[in-house]
């Protein structure tokens, strides 16, 4: 149970930092979407880190830590913004 709460906390903090650093109005907003953004970013960073040999296979979604989770969330936001710009995902701000 404590592990799940830790993943949510790391995800939320990484999502907030990524949203502050990412340019553009197309960011997903709200507590839930910000947390999901950070968790997906942490999972992405952990996956890439494991494939590059930086993290052990057994480390969870927070194995990457706050900094790399934030970088992963920035990558997710960049992909999100590109999909909105191409019209694949509708712009929620319109």
C-alpha atoms as a PDB file:
ATOM      1  CA  UNK A   1       0.000   0.000   0.000  1.00  0.00           C
ATOM      2  CA  UNK A   2       2.815   2.396   0.833  1.00  0.00           C
ATOM      3  CA  UNK A   3       4.392   1.738  -2.563  1.00  0.00           C
ATOM      4  CA  UNK A   4       1.272   2.834  -4.402  1.00  0.00           C
ATOM      5  CA  UNK A   5       1.056   6.049  -2.401  1.00  0.00           C
ATOM      6  CA  UNK A   6       4.732   6.748  -3.110  1.00  0.00           C
ATOM      7  CA  UNK A   7       4.174   6.243  -6.867  1.00  0.00           C
ATOM      8  CA  UNK A   8       1.231   8.676  -6.767  1.00  0.00           C
ATOM      9  CA  UNK A   9       3.291  11.280  -4.880  1.00  0.00           C
ATOM     10  CA  UNK A  10       6.273  10.957  -7.246  1.00  0.00           C
ATOM     11  CA  UNK A  11       3.947  11.042 -10.255  1.00  0.00           C
ATOM     12  CA  UNK A  12       2.113  14.129  -9.035  1.00  0.00           C
ATOM     13  CA  UNK A  13       5.294  16.076  -8.271  1.00  0.00           C
ATOM     14  CA  UNK A  14       6.931  15.056 -11.571  1.00  0.00           C
ATOM     15  CA  UNK A  15       3.741  15.967 -13.454  1.00  0.00           C
ATOM     16  CA  UNK A  16       3.541  19.408 -11.838  1.00  0.00           C
ATOM     17  CA  UNK A  17       7.191  20.174 -12.595  1.00  0.00           C
ATOM     18  CA  UNK A  18       6.832  18.944 -16.189  1.00  0.00           C
ATOM     19  CA  UNK A  19       3.714  21.067 -16.735  1.00  0.00           C
ATOM     20  CA  UNK A  20       5.541  24.137 -15.418  1.00  0.00           C
ATOM     21  CA  UNK A  21       8.524  23.519 -17.722  1.00  0.00           C
ATOM     22  CA  UNK A  22       6.574  22.591 -20.858  1.00  0.00           C
ATOM     23  CA  UNK A  23       5.617  25.388 -23.226  1.00  0.00           C
ATOM     24  CA  UNK A  24       2.215  25.490 -24.886  1.00  0.00           C
ATOM     25  CA  UNK A  25      -1.430  25.613 -23.826  1.00  0.00           C
ATOM     26  CA  UNK A  26      -2.240  21.987 -24.688  1.00  0.00           C
ATOM     27  CA  UNK A  27      -1.199  20.453 -21.394  1.00  0.00           C
ATOM     28  CA  UNK A  28      -3.606  18.055 -19.722  1.00  0.00           C
ATOM     29  CA  UNK A  29      -4.834  19.725 -16.545  1.00  0.00           C
ATOM     30  CA  UNK A  30      -6.283  18.593 -13.257  1.00  0.00           C
ATOM     31  CA  UNK A  31      -5.002  16.523 -10.351  1.00  0.00           C
ATOM     32  CA  UNK A  32      -5.725  13.139 -11.910  1.00  0.00           C
ATOM     33  CA  UNK A  33      -4.243  13.904 -15.345  1.00  0.00           C
ATOM     34  CA  UNK A  34      -1.187  15.569 -13.805  1.00  0.00           C
ATOM     35  CA  UNK A  35      -0.604  12.509 -11.625  1.00  0.00           C
ATOM     36  CA  UNK A  36      -1.081  10.136 -14.560  1.00  0.00           C
ATOM     37  CA  UNK A  37       1.313  12.245 -16.624  1.00  0.00           C
ATOM     38  CA  UNK A  38       3.988  11.964 -13.942  1.00  0.00           C
ATOM     39  CA  UNK A  39       3.439   8.232 -13.417  1.00  0.00           C
ATOM     40  CA  UNK A  40       3.666   7.556 -17.164  1.00  0.00           C
ATOM     41  CA  UNK A  41       6.779   9.729 -17.307  1.00  0.00           C
ATOM     42  CA  UNK A  42       8.341   7.791 -14.430  1.00  0.00           C
ATOM     43  CA  UNK A  43       7.470   4.489 -16.085  1.00  0.00           C
ATOM     44  CA  UNK A  44       8.955   5.678 -19.377  1.00  0.00           C
ATOM     45  CA  UNK A  45      12.140   6.869 -17.668  1.00  0.00           C
ATOM     46  CA  UNK A  46      12.431   3.598 -15.733  1.00  0.00           C
ATOM     47  CA  UNK A  47      11.924   1.535 -18.889  1.00  0.00           C
ATOM     48  CA  UNK A  48      14.549   3.492 -20.842  1.00  0.00           C
ATOM     49  CA  UNK A  49      16.924   3.403 -17.863  1.00  0.00           C
ATOM     50  CA  UNK A  50      16.547  -0.360 -17.576  1.00  0.00           C
ATOM     51  CA  UNK A  51      17.210  -0.864 -21.287  1.00  0.00           C
ATOM     52  CA  UNK A  52      20.328   1.325 -21.043  1.00  0.00           C
ATOM     53  CA  UNK A  53      21.503  -0.543 -17.940  1.00  0.00           C
ATOM     54  CA  UNK A  54      21.133   2.321 -15.429  1.00  0.00           C
ATOM     55  CA  UNK A  55      18.430   0.636 -13.336  1.00  0.00           C
ATOM     56  CA  UNK A  56      17.868  -2.948 -12.241  1.00  0.00           C
ATOM     57  CA  UNK A  57      14.998  -4.911 -13.748  1.00  0.00           C
ATOM     58  CA  UNK A  58      13.255  -5.172 -10.367  1.00  0.00           C
ATOM     59  CA  UNK A  59      12.938  -1.437  -9.739  1.00  0.00           C
ATOM     60  CA  UNK A  60       9.406  -0.084  -9.942  1.00  0.00           C
ATOM     61  CA  UNK A  61       7.988   3.035 -11.561  1.00  0.00           C
ATOM     62  CA  UNK A  62       9.827   5.250  -9.082  1.00  0.00           C
ATOM     63  CA  UNK A  63      13.187   3.606  -9.746  1.00  0.00           C
ATOM     64  CA  UNK A  64      14.073   6.499 -11.986  1.00  0.00           C
ATOM     65  CA  UNK A  65      13.661   9.124  -9.264  1.00  0.00           C
ATOM     66  CA  UNK A  66      12.176  12.604  -9.432  1.00  0.00           C
ATOM     67  CA  UNK A  67      14.537  14.119 -11.999  1.00  0.00           C
ATOM     68  CA  UNK A  68      14.308  11.412 -14.608  1.00  0.00           C
ATOM     69  CA  UNK A  69      10.580  10.988 -13.922  1.00  0.00           C
ATOM     70  CA  UNK A  70      10.184  14.679 -14.698  1.00  0.00           C
ATOM     71  CA  UNK A  71      12.225  14.289 -17.884  1.00  0.00           C
ATOM     72  CA  UNK A  72      10.032  11.336 -18.840  1.00  0.00           C
ATOM     73  CA  UNK A  73       6.915  13.425 -18.170  1.00  0.00           C
ATOM     74  CA  UNK A  74       8.335  16.197 -20.372  1.00  0.00           C
ATOM     75  CA  UNK A  75       8.787  13.666 -23.172  1.00  0.00           C
ATOM     76  CA  UNK A  76       5.185  12.512 -22.710  1.00  0.00           C
ATOM     77  CA  UNK A  77       3.988  16.151 -22.822  1.00  0.00           C
ATOM     78  CA  UNK A  78       6.033  16.785 -25.965  1.00  0.00           C
ATOM     79  CA  UNK A  79       4.403  13.783 -27.667  1.00  0.00           C
ATOM     80  CA  UNK A  80       0.980  14.939 -26.412  1.00  0.00           C
ATOM     81  CA  UNK A  81       1.530  18.442 -27.837  1.00  0.00           C
ATOM     82  CA  UNK A  82       2.676  17.027 -31.193  1.00  0.00           C
ATOM     83  CA  UNK A  83      -0.445  14.836 -31.383  1.00  0.00           C
ATOM     84  CA  UNK A  84      -2.663  17.848 -30.612  1.00  0.00           C
ATOM     85  CA  UNK A  85      -0.824  19.964 -33.202  1.00  0.00           C
ATOM     86  CA  UNK A  86      -1.445  17.269 -35.855  1.00  0.00           C
ATOM     87  CA  UNK A  87      -5.105  16.972 -34.880  1.00  0.00           C
ATOM     88  CA  UNK A  88      -4.867  13.342 -33.729  1.00  0.00           C
ATOM     89  CA  UNK A  89      -6.038  14.377 -30.246  1.00  0.00           C
ATOM     90  CA  UNK A  90      -8.655  17.157 -30.044  1.00  0.00           C
ATOM     91  CA  UNK A  91      -7.587  20.410 -28.389  1.00  0.00           C
ATOM     92  CA  UNK A  92      -9.486  20.650 -25.095  1.00  0.00           C
ATOM     93  CA  UNK A  93      -8.880  24.415 -24.875  1.00  0.00           C
ATOM     94  CA  UNK A  94     -11.091  25.227 -27.885  1.00  0.00           C
END
